[in-house]
């Protein structure tokens, strides 16, 4: 992305941060696109429980997509790649922790 866009044109959101503090991440998004903050409407459904998708049904990228992604990372550690995005909280990705 950084080869094609200026860093200031990118808003990077981390799924785990959105789950932990969705309100703050919404505020960041609204600020980034120049909209005033607002309180989103309450969900219409009766239950706040979410259905968890079994791992077997989760999105699995095609081999060519996965390979292209890995080719992009070759030669750089995940930590080096994330240095471009300081808003990412690596502690929320335990698989990246160095033993």
PDB file of N, CA and C in Angstrom:
ATOM      1  N   UNK A   1       0.823  -1.195   0.000  1.00  0.00           N
ATOM      2  CA  UNK A   1       0.000   0.000   0.000  1.00  0.00           C
ATOM      3  C   UNK A   1       0.862   1.250   0.000  1.00  0.00           C
ATOM      4  N   UNK A   2       1.927   1.224   0.779  1.00  0.00           N
ATOM      5  CA  UNK A   2       2.763   2.410   0.884  1.00  0.00           C
ATOM      6  C   UNK A   2       3.545   2.687  -0.394  1.00  0.00           C
ATOM      7  N   UNK A   3       3.635   1.698  -1.278  1.00  0.00           N
ATOM      8  CA  UNK A   3       4.262   1.924  -2.584  1.00  0.00           C
ATOM      9  C   UNK A   3       3.333   2.684  -3.516  1.00  0.00           C
ATOM     10  N   UNK A   4       2.056   2.726  -3.181  1.00  0.00           N
ATOM     11  CA  UNK A   4       1.074   3.312  -4.078  1.00  0.00           C
ATOM     12  C   UNK A   4       0.349   4.524  -3.510  1.00  0.00           C
ATOM     13  N   UNK A   5       0.358   4.673  -2.179  1.00  0.00           N
ATOM     14  CA  UNK A   5      -0.386   5.753  -1.544  1.00  0.00           C
ATOM     15  C   UNK A   5       0.487   6.446  -0.509  1.00  0.00           C
ATOM     16  N   UNK A   6       0.254   7.737  -0.332  1.00  0.00           N
ATOM     17  CA  UNK A   6       0.914   8.482   0.729  1.00  0.00           C
ATOM     18  C   UNK A   6       0.383   7.979   2.069  1.00  0.00           C
ATOM     19  N   UNK A   7       1.235   7.882   3.060  1.00  0.00           N
ATOM     20  CA  UNK A   7       0.837   7.347   4.376  1.00  0.00           C
ATOM     21  C   UNK A   7      -0.342   8.122   4.952  1.00  0.00           C
ATOM     22  N   UNK A   8      -0.388   9.424   4.708  1.00  0.00           N
ATOM     23  CA  UNK A   8      -1.480  10.233   5.264  1.00  0.00           C
ATOM     24  C   UNK A   8      -2.825   9.911   4.624  1.00  0.00           C
ATOM     25  N   UNK A   9      -2.822   9.194   3.507  1.00  0.00           N
ATOM     26  CA  UNK A   9      -4.071   8.819   2.833  1.00  0.00           C
ATOM     27  C   UNK A   9      -4.615   7.483   3.328  1.00  0.00           C
ATOM     28  N   UNK A  10      -3.902   6.848   4.257  1.00  0.00           N
ATOM     29  CA  UNK A  10      -4.311   5.527   4.741  1.00  0.00           C
ATOM     30  C   UNK A  10      -4.761   5.583   6.191  1.00  0.00           C
ATOM     31  N   UNK A  11      -5.881   4.994   6.458  1.00  0.00           N
ATOM     32  CA  UNK A  11      -6.331   4.792   7.832  1.00  0.00           C
ATOM     33  C   UNK A  11      -6.223   3.299   8.098  1.00  0.00           C
ATOM     34  N   UNK A  12      -5.430   2.946   9.075  1.00  0.00           N
ATOM     35  CA  UNK A  12      -5.237   1.538   9.409  1.00  0.00           C
ATOM     36  C   UNK A  12      -6.002   1.246  10.691  1.00  0.00           C
ATOM     37  N   UNK A  13      -6.927   0.312  10.587  1.00  0.00           N
ATOM     38  CA  UNK A  13      -7.694  -0.139  11.744  1.00  0.00           C
ATOM     39  C   UNK A  13      -7.324  -1.583  12.028  1.00  0.00           C
ATOM     40  N   UNK A  14      -7.223  -1.908  13.268  1.00  0.00           N
ATOM     41  CA  UNK A  14      -6.906  -3.273  13.695  1.00  0.00           C
ATOM     42  C   UNK A  14      -8.172  -3.908  14.238  1.00  0.00           C
ATOM     43  N   UNK A  15      -8.520  -5.053  13.687  1.00  0.00           N
ATOM     44  CA  UNK A  15      -9.750  -5.741  14.077  1.00  0.00           C
ATOM     45  C   UNK A  15      -9.859  -5.877  15.591  1.00  0.00           C
ATOM     46  N   UNK A  16      -8.784  -6.295  16.226  1.00  0.00           N
ATOM     47  CA  UNK A  16      -8.824  -6.525  17.671  1.00  0.00           C
ATOM     48  C   UNK A  16      -9.098  -5.232  18.434  1.00  0.00           C
ATOM     49  N   UNK A  17      -8.555  -4.123  17.977  1.00  0.00           N
ATOM     50  CA  UNK A  17      -8.835  -2.844  18.632  1.00  0.00           C
ATOM     51  C   UNK A  17     -10.286  -2.432  18.416  1.00  0.00           C
ATOM     52  N   UNK A  18     -10.808  -2.722  17.232  1.00  0.00           N
ATOM     53  CA  UNK A  18     -12.219  -2.420  16.962  1.00  0.00           C
ATOM     54  C   UNK A  18     -13.126  -3.220  17.883  1.00  0.00           C
ATOM     55  N   UNK A  19     -12.763  -4.452  18.146  1.00  0.00           N
ATOM     56  CA  UNK A  19     -13.569  -5.286  19.052  1.00  0.00           C
ATOM     57  C   UNK A  19     -13.466  -4.793  20.492  1.00  0.00           C
ATOM     58  N   UNK A  20     -12.269  -4.357  20.893  1.00  0.00           N
ATOM     59  CA  UNK A  20     -12.062  -3.913  22.268  1.00  0.00           C
ATOM     60  C   UNK A  20     -12.664  -2.541  22.554  1.00  0.00           C
ATOM     61  N   UNK A  21     -12.583  -1.644  21.586  1.00  0.00           N
ATOM     62  CA  UNK A  21     -13.084  -0.279  21.789  1.00  0.00           C
ATOM     63  C   UNK A  21     -13.639   0.252  20.470  1.00  0.00           C
ATOM     64  N   UNK A  22     -14.779  -0.282  20.088  1.00  0.00           N
ATOM     65  CA  UNK A  22     -15.357   0.073  18.794  1.00  0.00           C
ATOM     66  C   UNK A  22     -15.687   1.562  18.708  1.00  0.00           C
ATOM     67  N   UNK A  23     -16.065   2.157  19.815  1.00  0.00           N
ATOM     68  CA  UNK A  23     -16.429   3.579  19.818  1.00  0.00           C
ATOM     69  C   UNK A  23     -15.231   4.453  19.454  1.00  0.00           C
ATOM     70  N   UNK A  24     -14.090   4.153  20.040  1.00  0.00           N
ATOM     71  CA  UNK A  24     -12.880   4.935  19.745  1.00  0.00           C
ATOM     72  C   UNK A  24     -12.455   4.750  18.293  1.00  0.00           C
ATOM     73  N   UNK A  25     -12.584   3.549  17.783  1.00  0.00           N
ATOM     74  CA  UNK A  25     -12.198   3.297  16.402  1.00  0.00           C
ATOM     75  C   UNK A  25     -13.171   3.958  15.427  1.00  0.00           C
ATOM     76  N   UNK A  26     -14.444   4.029  15.795  1.00  0.00           N
ATOM     77  CA  UNK A  26     -15.411   4.757  14.977  1.00  0.00           C
ATOM     78  C   UNK A  26     -15.049   6.233  14.944  1.00  0.00           C
ATOM     79  N   UNK A  27     -14.694   6.791  16.106  1.00  0.00           N
ATOM     80  CA  UNK A  27     -14.290   8.202  16.165  1.00  0.00           C
ATOM     81  C   UNK A  27     -13.072   8.456  15.277  1.00  0.00           C
ATOM     82  N   UNK A  28     -12.097   7.554  15.306  1.00  0.00           N
ATOM     83  CA  UNK A  28     -10.912   7.697  14.449  1.00  0.00           C
ATOM     84  C   UNK A  28     -11.316   7.699  12.980  1.00  0.00           C
ATOM     85  N   UNK A  29     -12.222   6.803  12.622  1.00  0.00           N
ATOM     86  CA  UNK A  29     -12.664   6.692  11.235  1.00  0.00           C
ATOM     87  C   UNK A  29     -13.389   7.955  10.796  1.00  0.00           C
ATOM     88  N   UNK A  30     -14.312   8.416  11.623  1.00  0.00           N
ATOM     89  CA  UNK A  30     -15.063   9.628  11.286  1.00  0.00           C
ATOM     90  C   UNK A  30     -14.140  10.831  11.156  1.00  0.00           C
ATOM     91  N   UNK A  31     -13.188  10.944  12.066  1.00  0.00           N
ATOM     92  CA  UNK A  31     -12.229  12.035  12.014  1.00  0.00           C
ATOM     93  C   UNK A  31     -11.404  11.955  10.726  1.00  0.00           C
ATOM     94  N   UNK A  32     -10.987  10.764  10.363  1.00  0.00           N
ATOM     95  CA  UNK A  32     -10.163  10.572   9.168  1.00  0.00           C
ATOM     96  C   UNK A  32     -10.894  11.008   7.898  1.00  0.00           C
ATOM     97  N   UNK A  33     -12.183  10.700   7.819  1.00  0.00           N
ATOM     98  CA  UNK A  33     -12.926  11.053   6.608  1.00  0.00           C
ATOM     99  C   UNK A  33     -13.630  12.407   6.723  1.00  0.00           C
ATOM    100  N   UNK A  34     -13.398  13.096   7.842  1.00  0.00           N
ATOM    101  CA  UNK A  34     -13.888  14.462   7.981  1.00  0.00           C
ATOM    102  C   UNK A  34     -15.343  14.591   8.365  1.00  0.00           C
ATOM    103  N   UNK A  35     -15.878  13.607   9.060  1.00  0.00           N
ATOM    104  CA  UNK A  35     -17.264  13.680   9.512  1.00  0.00           C
ATOM    105  C   UNK A  35     -17.323  13.938  11.005  1.00  0.00           C
ATOM    106  N   UNK A  36     -18.397  14.586  11.432  1.00  0.00           N
ATOM    107  CA  UNK A  36     -18.609  14.820  12.854  1.00  0.00           C
ATOM    108  C   UNK A  36     -18.916  13.508  13.556  1.00  0.00           C
ATOM    109  N   UNK A  37     -18.524  13.451  14.823  1.00  0.00           N
ATOM    110  CA  UNK A  37     -18.824  12.279  15.639  1.00  0.00           C
ATOM    111  C   UNK A  37     -20.335  12.197  15.852  1.00  0.00           C
ATOM    112  N   UNK A  38     -20.837  10.999  16.015  1.00  0.00           N
ATOM    113  CA  UNK A  38     -22.249  10.784  16.310  1.00  0.00           C
ATOM    114  C   UNK A  38     -22.398   9.473  17.060  1.00  0.00           C
ATOM    115  N   UNK A  39     -23.524   9.320  17.689  1.00  0.00           N
ATOM    116  CA  UNK A  39     -23.820   8.077  18.408  1.00  0.00           C
ATOM    117  C   UNK A  39     -24.589   7.175  17.452  1.00  0.00           C
ATOM    118  N   UNK A  40     -24.008   6.027  17.083  1.00  0.00           N
ATOM    119  CA  UNK A  40     -24.726   5.141  16.161  1.00  0.00           C
ATOM    120  C   UNK A  40     -25.996   4.592  16.811  1.00  0.00           C
ATOM    121  N   UNK A  41     -27.001   4.285  16.007  1.00  0.00           N
ATOM    122  CA  UNK A  41     -28.236   3.731  16.571  1.00  0.00           C
ATOM    123  C   UNK A  41     -27.992   2.361  17.192  1.00  0.00           C
ATOM    124  N   UNK A  42     -28.847   2.022  18.143  1.00  0.00           N
ATOM    125  CA  UNK A  42     -28.746   0.708  18.788  1.00  0.00           C
ATOM    126  C   UNK A  42     -29.069  -0.382  17.773  1.00  0.00           C
ATOM    127  N   UNK A  43     -28.497  -1.563  17.968  1.00  0.00           N
ATOM    128  CA  UNK A  43     -28.819  -2.670  17.054  1.00  0.00           C
ATOM    129  C   UNK A  43     -30.314  -2.968  17.068  1.00  0.00           C
ATOM    130  N   UNK A  44     -30.843  -3.381  15.936  1.00  0.00           N
ATOM    131  CA  UNK A  44     -32.278  -3.664  15.827  1.00  0.00           C
ATOM    132  C   UNK A  44     -32.655  -5.030  16.374  1.00  0.00           C
ATOM    133  N   UNK A  45     -31.687  -5.904  16.466  1.00  0.00           N
ATOM    134  CA  UNK A  45     -32.016  -7.268  16.890  1.00  0.00           C
ATOM    135  C   UNK A  45     -32.271  -7.319  18.400  1.00  0.00           C
ATOM    136  N   UNK A  46     -32.867  -8.381  18.844  1.00  0.00           N
ATOM    137  CA  UNK A  46     -33.220  -8.561  20.255  1.00  0.00           C
ATOM    138  C   UNK A  46     -32.036  -9.023  21.082  1.00  0.00           C
ATOM    139  N   UNK A  47     -31.127  -9.731  20.466  1.00  0.00           N
ATOM    140  CA  UNK A  47     -30.012 -10.317  21.191  1.00  0.00           C
ATOM    141  C   UNK A  47     -28.717  -9.620  20.816  1.00  0.00           C
ATOM    142  N   UNK A  48     -27.853  -9.448  21.799  1.00  0.00           N
ATOM    143  CA  UNK A  48     -26.540  -8.874  21.526  1.00  0.00           C
ATOM    144  C   UNK A  48     -25.505  -9.959  21.288  1.00  0.00           C
ATOM    145  N   UNK A  49     -25.908 -11.215  21.413  1.00  0.00           N
ATOM    146  CA  UNK A  49     -24.978 -12.309  21.173  1.00  0.00           C
ATOM    147  C   UNK A  49     -24.700 -12.430  19.685  1.00  0.00           C
ATOM    148  N   UNK A  50     -23.475 -12.761  19.386  1.00  0.00           N
ATOM    149  CA  UNK A  50     -23.074 -12.940  17.998  1.00  0.00           C
ATOM    150  C   UNK A  50     -22.831 -14.413  17.729  1.00  0.00           C
ATOM    151  N   UNK A  51     -23.093 -14.788  16.518  1.00  0.00           N
ATOM    152  CA  UNK A  51     -22.822 -16.154  16.111  1.00  0.00           C
ATOM    153  C   UNK A  51     -21.371 -16.234  15.661  1.00  0.00           C
ATOM    154  N   UNK A  52     -20.650 -17.176  16.213  1.00  0.00           N
ATOM    155  CA  UNK A  52     -19.255 -17.377  15.840  1.00  0.00           C
ATOM    156  C   UNK A  52     -19.201 -18.332  14.668  1.00  0.00           C
ATOM    157  N   UNK A  53     -18.517 -17.907  13.632  1.00  0.00           N
ATOM    158  CA  UNK A  53     -18.377 -18.748  12.453  1.00  0.00           C
ATOM    159  C   UNK A  53     -17.344 -19.825  12.732  1.00  0.00           C
ATOM    160  N   UNK A  54     -17.692 -21.078  12.505  1.00  0.00           N
ATOM    161  CA  UNK A  54     -16.697 -22.137  12.705  1.00  0.00           C
ATOM    162  C   UNK A  54     -15.480 -21.892  11.822  1.00  0.00           C
ATOM    163  N   UNK A  55     -14.320 -22.261  12.325  1.00  0.00           N
ATOM    164  CA  UNK A  55     -13.073 -22.019  11.593  1.00  0.00           C
ATOM    165  C   UNK A  55     -13.121 -22.587  10.181  1.00  0.00           C
ATOM    166  N   UNK A  56     -13.771 -23.700  10.002  1.00  0.00           N
ATOM    167  CA  UNK A  56     -13.823 -24.327   8.684  1.00  0.00           C
ATOM    168  C   UNK A  56     -14.586 -23.463   7.680  1.00  0.00           C
ATOM    169  N   UNK A  57     -15.453 -22.577   8.155  1.00  0.00           N
ATOM    170  CA  UNK A  57     -16.254 -21.748   7.258  1.00  0.00           C
ATOM    171  C   UNK A  57     -15.702 -20.337   7.108  1.00  0.00           C
ATOM    172  N   UNK A  58     -14.645 -20.016   7.834  1.00  0.00           N
ATOM    173  CA  UNK A  58     -14.058 -18.686   7.732  1.00  0.00           C
ATOM    174  C   UNK A  58     -13.402 -18.508   6.374  1.00  0.00           C
ATOM    175  N   UNK A  59     -13.240 -17.265   5.999  1.00  0.00           N
ATOM    176  CA  UNK A  59     -12.620 -16.946   4.716  1.00  0.00           C
ATOM    177  C   UNK A  59     -11.233 -17.564   4.635  1.00  0.00           C
ATOM    178  N   UNK A  60     -10.979 -18.246   3.568  1.00  0.00           N
ATOM    179  CA  UNK A  60      -9.659 -18.789   3.279  1.00  0.00           C
ATOM    180  C   UNK A  60      -9.221 -18.211   1.935  1.00  0.00           C
ATOM    181  N   UNK A  61      -8.165 -17.418   1.924  1.00  0.00           N
ATOM    182  CA  UNK A  61      -7.753 -16.818   0.652  1.00  0.00           C
ATOM    183  C   UNK A  61      -7.277 -17.885  -0.330  1.00  0.00           C
ATOM    184  N   UNK A  62      -7.457 -17.570  -1.604  1.00  0.00           N
ATOM    185  CA  UNK A  62      -6.948 -18.465  -2.629  1.00  0.00           C
ATOM    186  C   UNK A  62      -5.434 -18.555  -2.484  1.00  0.00           C
ATOM    187  N   UNK A  63      -4.870 -19.664  -2.946  1.00  0.00           N
ATOM    188  CA  UNK A  63      -3.425 -19.872  -2.828  1.00  0.00           C
ATOM    189  C   UNK A  63      -2.644 -18.731  -3.468  1.00  0.00           C
ATOM    190  N   UNK A  64      -3.105 -18.232  -4.616  1.00  0.00           N
ATOM    191  CA  UNK A  64      -2.365 -17.159  -5.299  1.00  0.00           C
ATOM    192  C   UNK A  64      -2.382 -15.869  -4.488  1.00  0.00           C
ATOM    193  N   UNK A  65      -3.478 -15.610  -3.778  1.00  0.00           N
ATOM    194  CA  UNK A  65      -3.566 -14.413  -2.934  1.00  0.00           C
ATOM    195  C   UNK A  65      -2.640 -14.564  -1.736  1.00  0.00           C
ATOM    196  N   UNK A  66      -2.710 -15.723  -1.098  1.00  0.00           N
ATOM    197  CA  UNK A  66      -1.852 -15.993   0.060  1.00  0.00           C
ATOM    198  C   UNK A  66      -0.377 -15.920  -0.348  1.00  0.00           C
ATOM    199  N   UNK A  67      -0.034 -16.503  -1.501  1.00  0.00           N
ATOM    200  CA  UNK A  67       1.352 -16.505  -1.972  1.00  0.00           C
ATOM    201  C   UNK A  67       1.836 -15.086  -2.261  1.00  0.00           C
ATOM    202  N   UNK A  68       0.979 -14.260  -2.879  1.00  0.00           N
ATOM    203  CA  UNK A  68       1.352 -12.875  -3.175  1.00  0.00           C
ATOM    204  C   UNK A  68       1.601 -12.106  -1.882  1.00  0.00           C
ATOM    205  N   UNK A  69       0.769 -12.350  -0.883  1.00  0.00           N
ATOM    206  CA  UNK A  69       0.938 -11.690   0.407  1.00  0.00           C
ATOM    207  C   UNK A  69       2.266 -12.098   1.038  1.00  0.00           C
ATOM    208  N   UNK A  70       2.561 -13.393   1.025  1.00  0.00           N
ATOM    209  CA  UNK A  70       3.796 -13.871   1.624  1.00  0.00           C
ATOM    210  C   UNK A  70       5.014 -13.362   0.854  1.00  0.00           C
ATOM    211  N   UNK A  71       4.909 -13.288  -0.477  1.00  0.00           N
ATOM    212  CA  UNK A  71       6.012 -12.746  -1.273  1.00  0.00           C
ATOM    213  C   UNK A  71       6.302 -11.305  -0.886  1.00  0.00           C
ATOM    214  N   UNK A  72       5.255 -10.563  -0.571  1.00  0.00           N
ATOM    215  CA  UNK A  72       5.410  -9.174  -0.164  1.00  0.00           C
ATOM    216  C   UNK A  72       6.185  -9.077   1.148  1.00  0.00           C
ATOM    217  N   UNK A  73       5.964 -10.046   2.029  1.00  0.00           N
ATOM    218  CA  UNK A  73       6.607 -10.016   3.343  1.00  0.00           C
ATOM    219  C   UNK A  73       8.014 -10.606   3.357  1.00  0.00           C
ATOM    220  N   UNK A  74       8.371 -11.364   2.316  1.00  0.00           N
ATOM    221  CA  UNK A  74       9.694 -11.997   2.309  1.00  0.00           C
ATOM    222  C   UNK A  74      10.789 -10.957   2.507  1.00  0.00           C
ATOM    223  N   UNK A  75      11.725 -11.303   3.328  1.00  0.00           N
ATOM    224  CA  UNK A  75      12.834 -10.390   3.571  1.00  0.00           C
ATOM    225  C   UNK A  75      12.569  -9.406   4.696  1.00  0.00           C
ATOM    226  N   UNK A  76      11.359  -9.360   5.186  1.00  0.00           N
ATOM    227  CA  UNK A  76      11.036  -8.476   6.308  1.00  0.00           C
ATOM    228  C   UNK A  76      10.328  -9.285   7.373  1.00  0.00           C
ATOM    229  N   UNK A  77      10.701  -9.049   8.598  1.00  0.00           N
ATOM    230  CA  UNK A  77       9.991  -9.710   9.688  1.00  0.00           C
ATOM    231  C   UNK A  77       8.638  -9.028   9.861  1.00  0.00           C
ATOM    232  N   UNK A  78       7.667  -9.724  10.461  1.00  0.00           N
ATOM    233  CA  UNK A  78       6.377  -9.066  10.721  1.00  0.00           C
ATOM    234  C   UNK A  78       6.544  -7.788  11.527  1.00  0.00           C
ATOM    235  N   UNK A  79       7.511  -7.785  12.459  1.00  0.00           N
ATOM    236  CA  UNK A  79       7.726  -6.596  13.280  1.00  0.00           C
ATOM    237  C   UNK A  79       8.230  -5.432  12.429  1.00  0.00           C
ATOM    238  N   UNK A  80       9.091  -5.719  11.463  1.00  0.00           N
ATOM    239  CA  UNK A  80       9.590  -4.664  10.577  1.00  0.00           C
ATOM    240  C   UNK A  80       8.457  -4.109   9.720  1.00  0.00           C
ATOM    241  N   UNK A  81       7.587  -4.980   9.239  1.00  0.00           N
ATOM    242  CA  UNK A  81       6.444  -4.535   8.434  1.00  0.00           C
ATOM    243  C   UNK A  81       5.522  -3.645   9.258  1.00  0.00           C
ATOM    244  N   UNK A  82       5.312  -4.013  10.496  1.00  0.00           N
ATOM    245  CA  UNK A  82       4.397  -3.258  11.347  1.00  0.00           C
ATOM    246  C   UNK A  82       4.981  -1.929  11.796  1.00  0.00           C
ATOM    247  N   UNK A  83       6.286  -1.755  11.641  1.00  0.00           N
ATOM    248  CA  UNK A  83       6.908  -0.481  12.007  1.00  0.00           C
ATOM    249  C   UNK A  83       6.322   0.658  11.176  1.00  0.00           C
ATOM    250  N   UNK A  84       5.811   0.328   9.980  1.00  0.00           N
ATOM    251  CA  UNK A  84       5.174   1.344   9.131  1.00  0.00           C
ATOM    252  C   UNK A  84       3.814   1.777   9.668  1.00  0.00           C
ATOM    253  N   UNK A  85       3.278   1.010  10.623  1.00  0.00           N
ATOM    254  CA  UNK A  85       1.928   1.255  11.127  1.00  0.00           C
ATOM    255  C   UNK A  85       1.932   1.251  12.662  1.00  0.00           C
ATOM    256  N   UNK A  86       2.386   2.346  13.268  1.00  0.00           N
ATOM    257  CA  UNK A  86       2.499   2.372  14.727  1.00  0.00           C
ATOM    258  C   UNK A  86       1.166   2.255  15.459  1.00  0.00           C
ATOM    259  N   UNK A  87       0.051   2.464  14.769  1.00  0.00           N
ATOM    260  CA  UNK A  87      -1.247   2.348  15.427  1.00  0.00           C
ATOM    261  C   UNK A  87      -1.639   0.894  15.689  1.00  0.00           C
ATOM    262  N   UNK A  88      -0.918  -0.060  15.112  1.00  0.00           N
ATOM    263  CA  UNK A  88      -1.183  -1.470  15.352  1.00  0.00           C
ATOM    264  C   UNK A  88      -0.585  -1.869  16.693  1.00  0.00           C
ATOM    265  N   UNK A  89      -1.382  -2.486  17.521  1.00  0.00           N
ATOM    266  CA  UNK A  89      -0.949  -2.953  18.836  1.00  0.00           C
ATOM    267  C   UNK A  89      -0.538  -4.421  18.707  1.00  0.00           C
ATOM    268  N   UNK A  90       0.768  -4.651  18.593  1.00  0.00           N
ATOM    269  CA  UNK A  90       1.273  -6.017  18.416  1.00  0.00           C
ATOM    270  C   UNK A  90       0.920  -6.935  19.581  1.00  0.00           C
ATOM    271  N   UNK A  91       0.703  -6.364  20.753  1.00  0.00           N
ATOM    272  CA  UNK A  91       0.392  -7.213  21.908  1.00  0.00           C
ATOM    273  C   UNK A  91      -0.945  -7.932  21.724  1.00  0.00           C
ATOM    274  N   UNK A  92      -1.773  -7.429  20.802  1.00  0.00           N
ATOM    275  CA  UNK A  92      -3.055  -8.081  20.530  1.00  0.00           C
ATOM    276  C   UNK A  92      -2.909  -9.247  19.549  1.00  0.00           C
ATOM    277  N   UNK A  93      -1.704  -9.447  19.038  1.00  0.00           N
ATOM    278  CA  UNK A  93      -1.416 -10.557  18.130  1.00  0.00           C
ATOM    279  C   UNK A  93      -0.371 -11.459  18.774  1.00  0.00           C
ATOM    280  N   UNK A  94      -0.790 -12.354  19.655  1.00  0.00           N
ATOM    281  CA  UNK A  94       0.170 -13.172  20.410  1.00  0.00           C
ATOM    282  C   UNK A  94       1.091 -14.029  19.537  1.00  0.00           C
ATOM    283  N   UNK A  95       0.670 -14.360  18.324  1.00  0.00           N
ATOM    284  CA  UNK A  95       1.517 -15.185  17.466  1.00  0.00           C
ATOM    285  C   UNK A  95       2.771 -14.444  17.007  1.00  0.00           C
ATOM    286  N   UNK A  96       2.782 -13.118  17.132  1.00  0.00           N
ATOM    287  CA  UNK A  96       3.953 -12.342  16.741  1.00  0.00           C
ATOM    288  C   UNK A  96       4.950 -12.187  17.862  1.00  0.00           C
ATOM    289  N   UNK A  97       4.593 -12.589  19.050  1.00  0.00           N
ATOM    290  CA  UNK A  97       5.500 -12.417  20.180  1.00  0.00           C
ATOM    291  C   UNK A  97       6.748 -13.257  19.983  1.00  0.00           C
ATOM    292  N   UNK A  98       7.868 -12.637  20.251  1.00  0.00           N
ATOM    293  CA  UNK A  98       9.141 -13.337  20.148  1.00  0.00           C
ATOM    294  C   UNK A  98       9.370 -14.114  21.431  1.00  0.00           C
ATOM    295  N   UNK A  99       9.716 -15.388  21.284  1.00  0.00           N
ATOM    296  CA  UNK A  99       9.917 -16.251  22.460  1.00  0.00           C
ATOM    297  C   UNK A  99      11.180 -15.863  23.205  1.00  0.00           C
TER     298      UNK A  99
END
